[in-house]
Amino acid sequence: MKHIFSILLVTLVLVSCKDTTKQNEEVAEELSQEIAYASFGEEISDADALTSKVMAVQYANMAVGDSIDAKMVAKVDEVCQAKGCWMKLDLPDGEQVMVKFKDYGFFMPKDIAGKEVIINGKAFVNEVPVDEQRHYAEDGGATPEEIAKITEPKRTYSFMADGVLLKTE
């Protein structure tokens, strides 16, 4: 009788461990599923990316000519419709970040407005002359009337990206 009880107890323990192991494997698999990204430019990771809200505070504290190394996550507002050579990202305070790509080494798809990206590189503040603003407006598909309204240099938040991750759904 002792042996039957011992065998039953060992069997019960093994069965319960097997179920726990299976549950642990399922939980581990769920945790290991990473967000899928398409990568452009240099290979980067999504680790330590600042939110657009935090980045907006960083930009607000910078003067024209200041720059910092940064990695940020934000939503794409607009992309160059000529060839994807620049994009604008939304900041929560109504501002935008003008993103260009290091050495024109890569371009972004033209249909990614509204999608989330992670960019890595140098964040800086500069003043964009009228002719350059008009060029970007034309590339963005602005009307001649909208382009004509650009008459003064503008302080802008800019970013020179060496790598971009585009969130794929």
C-alpha atoms as a PDB file:
ATOM      1  CA  MET A   1       0.000   0.000   0.000  1.00  0.00           C
ATOM      2  CA  LYS A   2       2.884   2.374   0.828  1.00  0.00           C
ATOM      3  CA  HIS A   3       4.409   1.754  -2.590  1.00  0.00           C
ATOM      4  CA  ILE A   4       1.150   2.397  -4.424  1.00  0.00           C
ATOM      5  CA  PHE A   5       0.714   5.660  -2.544  1.00  0.00           C
ATOM      6  CA  SER A   6       4.335   6.659  -3.312  1.00  0.00           C
ATOM      7  CA  ILE A   7       3.961   5.818  -7.014  1.00  0.00           C
ATOM      8  CA  LEU A   8       0.696   7.736  -7.180  1.00  0.00           C
ATOM      9  CA  LEU A   9       2.291  10.738  -5.477  1.00  0.00           C
ATOM     10  CA  VAL A  10       5.321  10.730  -7.822  1.00  0.00           C
ATOM     11  CA  THR A  11       3.039  10.402 -10.860  1.00  0.00           C
ATOM     12  CA  LEU A  12       0.874  13.285  -9.649  1.00  0.00           C
ATOM     13  CA  VAL A  13       3.933  15.498  -9.108  1.00  0.00           C
ATOM     14  CA  LEU A  14       5.314  14.711 -12.555  1.00  0.00           C
ATOM     15  CA  VAL A  15       1.998  15.422 -14.271  1.00  0.00           C
ATOM     16  CA  SER A  16       1.566  18.710 -12.437  1.00  0.00           C
ATOM     17  CA  CYS A  17       5.159  19.752 -13.276  1.00  0.00           C
ATOM     18  CA  LYS A  18       4.542  18.965 -16.918  1.00  0.00           C
ATOM     19  CA  ASP A  19       1.486  21.230 -17.012  1.00  0.00           C
ATOM     20  CA  THR A  20       3.389  24.006 -15.222  1.00  0.00           C
ATOM     21  CA  THR A  21       6.275  23.654 -17.653  1.00  0.00           C
ATOM     22  CA  LYS A  22       3.861  23.900 -20.573  1.00  0.00           C
ATOM     23  CA  GLN A  23       2.219  26.997 -19.067  1.00  0.00           C
ATOM     24  CA  ASN A  24       5.638  28.568 -18.411  1.00  0.00           C
ATOM     25  CA  GLU A  25       6.658  27.901 -22.015  1.00  0.00           C
ATOM     26  CA  GLU A  26       3.464  29.546 -23.298  1.00  0.00           C
ATOM     27  CA  VAL A  27       4.010  32.621 -21.091  1.00  0.00           C
ATOM     28  CA  ALA A  28       7.660  32.843 -22.154  1.00  0.00           C
ATOM     29  CA  GLU A  29       6.630  32.615 -25.809  1.00  0.00           C
ATOM     30  CA  GLU A  30       4.125  35.451 -25.385  1.00  0.00           C
ATOM     31  CA  LEU A  31       6.728  37.618 -23.658  1.00  0.00           C
ATOM     32  CA  SER A  32       9.351  36.915 -26.291  1.00  0.00           C
ATOM     33  CA  GLN A  33       7.140  38.003 -29.152  1.00  0.00           C
ATOM     34  CA  GLU A  34       8.671  41.302 -30.149  1.00  0.00           C
ATOM     35  CA  ILE A  35       7.160  44.142 -32.076  1.00  0.00           C
ATOM     36  CA  ALA A  36       8.017  43.737 -35.739  1.00  0.00           C
ATOM     37  CA  TYR A  37       9.895  46.573 -37.429  1.00  0.00           C
ATOM     38  CA  ALA A  38      11.167  47.277 -40.914  1.00  0.00           C
ATOM     39  CA  SER A  39      14.693  48.680 -40.657  1.00  0.00           C
ATOM     40  CA  PHE A  40      16.147  51.510 -42.747  1.00  0.00           C
ATOM     41  CA  GLY A  41      19.701  52.872 -42.645  1.00  0.00           C
ATOM     42  CA  GLU A  42      22.002  51.684 -39.871  1.00  0.00           C
ATOM     43  CA  GLU A  43      20.758  48.842 -37.699  1.00  0.00           C
ATOM     44  CA  ILE A  44      19.256  50.172 -34.464  1.00  0.00           C
ATOM     45  CA  SER A  45      17.142  48.732 -31.654  1.00  0.00           C
ATOM     46  CA  ASP A  46      13.995  50.003 -30.017  1.00  0.00           C
ATOM     47  CA  ALA A  47      15.627  50.023 -26.556  1.00  0.00           C
ATOM     48  CA  ASP A  48      15.881  53.330 -24.679  1.00  0.00           C
ATOM     49  CA  ALA A  49      13.892  55.369 -27.200  1.00  0.00           C
ATOM     50  CA  LEU A  50      12.452  58.582 -25.752  1.00  0.00           C
ATOM     51  CA  THR A  51       8.774  59.317 -26.198  1.00  0.00           C
ATOM     52  CA  SER A  52       7.763  62.268 -28.357  1.00  0.00           C
ATOM     53  CA  LYS A  53       6.535  64.019 -25.198  1.00  0.00           C
ATOM     54  CA  VAL A  54       9.980  63.792 -23.552  1.00  0.00           C
ATOM     55  CA  MET A  55      11.665  64.813 -26.801  1.00  0.00           C
ATOM     56  CA  ALA A  56       9.409  67.893 -27.074  1.00  0.00           C
ATOM     57  CA  VAL A  57      10.725  69.048 -23.678  1.00  0.00           C
ATOM     58  CA  GLN A  58      14.312  68.451 -24.854  1.00  0.00           C
ATOM     59  CA  TYR A  59      13.723  70.520 -28.012  1.00  0.00           C
ATOM     60  CA  ALA A  60      12.026  73.338 -26.063  1.00  0.00           C
ATOM     61  CA  ASN A  61      15.165  73.689 -23.914  1.00  0.00           C
ATOM     62  CA  MET A  62      17.530  73.875 -26.912  1.00  0.00           C
ATOM     63  CA  ALA A  63      18.706  77.014 -28.691  1.00  0.00           C
ATOM     64  CA  VAL A  64      19.388  77.399 -32.416  1.00  0.00           C
ATOM     65  CA  GLY A  65      22.622  75.530 -33.116  1.00  0.00           C
ATOM     66  CA  ASP A  66      22.332  73.115 -30.162  1.00  0.00           C
ATOM     67  CA  SER A  67      22.388  69.378 -30.863  1.00  0.00           C
ATOM     68  CA  ILE A  68      22.143  66.142 -28.878  1.00  0.00           C
ATOM     69  CA  ASP A  69      22.428  62.432 -29.653  1.00  0.00           C
ATOM     70  CA  ALA A  70      18.951  60.958 -29.349  1.00  0.00           C
ATOM     71  CA  LYS A  71      16.630  58.099 -30.107  1.00  0.00           C
ATOM     72  CA  MET A  72      12.910  58.797 -30.165  1.00  0.00           C
ATOM     73  CA  VAL A  73       9.608  57.193 -31.025  1.00  0.00           C
ATOM     74  CA  ALA A  74       6.905  59.233 -32.760  1.00  0.00           C
ATOM     75  CA  LYS A  75       4.111  59.146 -35.306  1.00  0.00           C
ATOM     76  CA  VAL A  76       4.852  60.108 -38.922  1.00  0.00           C
ATOM     77  CA  ASP A  77       2.862  63.135 -40.034  1.00  0.00           C
ATOM     78  CA  GLU A  78       4.220  63.629 -43.544  1.00  0.00           C
ATOM     79  CA  VAL A  79       6.756  62.118 -45.971  1.00  0.00           C
ATOM     80  CA  CYS A  80       8.463  63.585 -49.031  1.00  0.00           C
ATOM     81  CA  GLN A  81       6.251  62.528 -51.919  1.00  0.00           C
ATOM     82  CA  ALA A  82       9.037  62.981 -54.484  1.00  0.00           C
ATOM     83  CA  LYS A  83      11.215  60.106 -53.213  1.00  0.00           C
ATOM     84  CA  GLY A  84      10.881  59.669 -49.430  1.00  0.00           C
ATOM     85  CA  CYS A  85      13.993  61.735 -48.668  1.00  0.00           C
ATOM     86  CA  TRP A  86      12.543  63.403 -45.541  1.00  0.00           C
ATOM     87  CA  MET A  87       9.675  63.011 -43.108  1.00  0.00           C
ATOM     88  CA  LYS A  88       7.964  65.071 -40.441  1.00  0.00           C
ATOM     89  CA  LEU A  89       7.098  63.589 -37.063  1.00  0.00           C
ATOM     90  CA  ASP A  90       4.433  64.822 -34.652  1.00  0.00           C
ATOM     91  CA  LEU A  91       5.250  66.201 -31.225  1.00  0.00           C
ATOM     92  CA  PRO A  92       2.459  66.479 -28.628  1.00  0.00           C
ATOM     93  CA  ASP A  93       2.749  70.279 -28.339  1.00  0.00           C
ATOM     94  CA  GLY A  94       1.652  70.826 -31.954  1.00  0.00           C
ATOM     95  CA  GLU A  95       5.229  71.105 -33.212  1.00  0.00           C
ATOM     96  CA  GLN A  96       6.848  68.827 -35.775  1.00  0.00           C
ATOM     97  CA  VAL A  97      10.321  67.364 -36.148  1.00  0.00           C
ATOM     98  CA  MET A  98      11.851  67.576 -39.630  1.00  0.00           C
ATOM     99  CA  VAL A  99      13.800  64.355 -40.193  1.00  0.00           C
ATOM    100  CA  LYS A 100      16.442  63.964 -42.880  1.00  0.00           C
ATOM    101  CA  PHE A 101      18.594  60.904 -43.473  1.00  0.00           C
ATOM    102  CA  LYS A 102      22.354  60.866 -42.972  1.00  0.00           C
ATOM    103  CA  ASP A 103      24.248  61.273 -46.262  1.00  0.00           C
ATOM    104  CA  TYR A 104      20.977  60.574 -48.148  1.00  0.00           C
ATOM    105  CA  GLY A 105      21.959  56.957 -47.453  1.00  0.00           C
ATOM    106  CA  PHE A 106      18.375  55.696 -47.388  1.00  0.00           C
ATOM    107  CA  PHE A 107      14.806  56.779 -48.045  1.00  0.00           C
ATOM    108  CA  MET A 108      11.471  55.997 -46.437  1.00  0.00           C
ATOM    109  CA  PRO A 109       8.324  54.648 -48.102  1.00  0.00           C
ATOM    110  CA  LYS A 110       6.019  57.466 -49.190  1.00  0.00           C
ATOM    111  CA  ASP A 111       2.864  55.910 -47.708  1.00  0.00           C
ATOM    112  CA  ILE A 112       3.729  55.763 -43.991  1.00  0.00           C
ATOM    113  CA  ALA A 113       1.866  58.838 -42.688  1.00  0.00           C
ATOM    114  CA  GLY A 114       0.174  57.901 -39.416  1.00  0.00           C
ATOM    115  CA  LYS A 115       2.573  55.037 -38.662  1.00  0.00           C
ATOM    116  CA  GLU A 116       4.968  54.845 -35.720  1.00  0.00           C
ATOM    117  CA  VAL A 117       8.733  55.053 -36.179  1.00  0.00           C
ATOM    118  CA  ILE A 118      11.808  55.001 -33.989  1.00  0.00           C
ATOM    119  CA  ILE A 119      14.624  57.234 -35.190  1.00  0.00           C
ATOM    120  CA  ASN A 120      18.230  57.368 -34.027  1.00  0.00           C
ATOM    121  CA  GLY A 121      20.762  60.126 -34.659  1.00  0.00           C
ATOM    122  CA  LYS A 122      21.252  63.827 -33.865  1.00  0.00           C
ATOM    123  CA  ALA A 123      18.468  66.130 -32.720  1.00  0.00           C
ATOM    124  CA  PHE A 124      19.052  69.823 -33.272  1.00  0.00           C
ATOM    125  CA  VAL A 125      17.353  73.190 -33.597  1.00  0.00           C
ATOM    126  CA  ASN A 126      17.951  75.342 -36.646  1.00  0.00           C
ATOM    127  CA  GLU A 127      16.499  78.174 -38.652  1.00  0.00           C
ATOM    128  CA  VAL A 128      15.193  77.189 -42.097  1.00  0.00           C
ATOM    129  CA  PRO A 129      15.388  79.825 -44.836  1.00  0.00           C
ATOM    130  CA  VAL A 130      12.334  80.699 -46.943  1.00  0.00           C
ATOM    131  CA  ASP A 131      13.563  78.971 -50.129  1.00  0.00           C
ATOM    132  CA  GLU A 132      14.188  75.702 -48.299  1.00  0.00           C
ATOM    133  CA  GLN A 133      10.754  75.850 -46.623  1.00  0.00           C
ATOM    134  CA  ARG A 134       9.156  76.389 -50.023  1.00  0.00           C
ATOM    135  CA  HIS A 135      11.084  73.434 -51.467  1.00  0.00           C
ATOM    136  CA  TYR A 136       9.825  71.140 -48.677  1.00  0.00           C
ATOM    137  CA  ALA A 137       6.280  72.431 -49.096  1.00  0.00           C
ATOM    138  CA  GLU A 138       6.446  71.669 -52.821  1.00  0.00           C
ATOM    139  CA  ASP A 139       7.810  68.153 -52.145  1.00  0.00           C
ATOM    140  CA  GLY A 140       4.999  67.652 -49.634  1.00  0.00           C
ATOM    141  CA  GLY A 141       2.373  68.462 -52.255  1.00  0.00           C
ATOM    142  CA  ALA A 142       1.420  71.976 -51.092  1.00  0.00           C
ATOM    143  CA  THR A 143      -0.543  74.218 -53.439  1.00  0.00           C
ATOM    144  CA  PRO A 144       1.100  77.276 -55.048  1.00  0.00           C
ATOM    145  CA  GLU A 145      -1.026  79.479 -52.764  1.00  0.00           C
ATOM    146  CA  GLU A 146       0.275  77.698 -49.650  1.00  0.00           C
ATOM    147  CA  ILE A 147       3.857  77.969 -50.905  1.00  0.00           C
ATOM    148  CA  ALA A 148       3.454  81.708 -51.588  1.00  0.00           C
ATOM    149  CA  LYS A 149       2.449  82.269 -47.937  1.00  0.00           C
ATOM    150  CA  ILE A 150       5.935  81.207 -46.786  1.00  0.00           C
ATOM    151  CA  THR A 151       7.737  84.523 -46.374  1.00  0.00           C
ATOM    152  CA  GLU A 152       9.912  84.309 -43.238  1.00  0.00           C
ATOM    153  CA  PRO A 153      12.658  82.021 -41.915  1.00  0.00           C
ATOM    154  CA  LYS A 154      11.354  79.554 -39.345  1.00  0.00           C
ATOM    155  CA  ARG A 155      12.898  78.080 -36.169  1.00  0.00           C
ATOM    156  CA  THR A 156      12.496  74.323 -36.534  1.00  0.00           C
ATOM    157  CA  TYR A 157      13.142  71.136 -34.648  1.00  0.00           C
ATOM    158  CA  SER A 158      15.286  68.905 -36.825  1.00  0.00           C
ATOM    159  CA  PHE A 159      16.779  65.431 -36.722  1.00  0.00           C
ATOM    160  CA  MET A 160      19.540  63.805 -38.784  1.00  0.00           C
ATOM    161  CA  ALA A 161      18.688  60.108 -38.620  1.00  0.00           C
ATOM    162  CA  ASP A 162      21.267  57.404 -39.210  1.00  0.00           C
ATOM    163  CA  GLY A 163      18.735  54.603 -38.636  1.00  0.00           C
ATOM    164  CA  VAL A 164      14.962  54.206 -38.599  1.00  0.00           C
ATOM    165  CA  LEU A 165      12.644  51.437 -37.435  1.00  0.00           C
ATOM    166  CA  LEU A 166       9.148  51.446 -38.966  1.00  0.00           C
ATOM    167  CA  LYS A 167       6.564  49.599 -36.906  1.00  0.00           C
ATOM    168  CA  THR A 168       4.826  46.959 -39.001  1.00  0.00           C
ATOM    169  CA  GLU A 169       1.416  45.664 -37.895  1.00  0.00           C
END
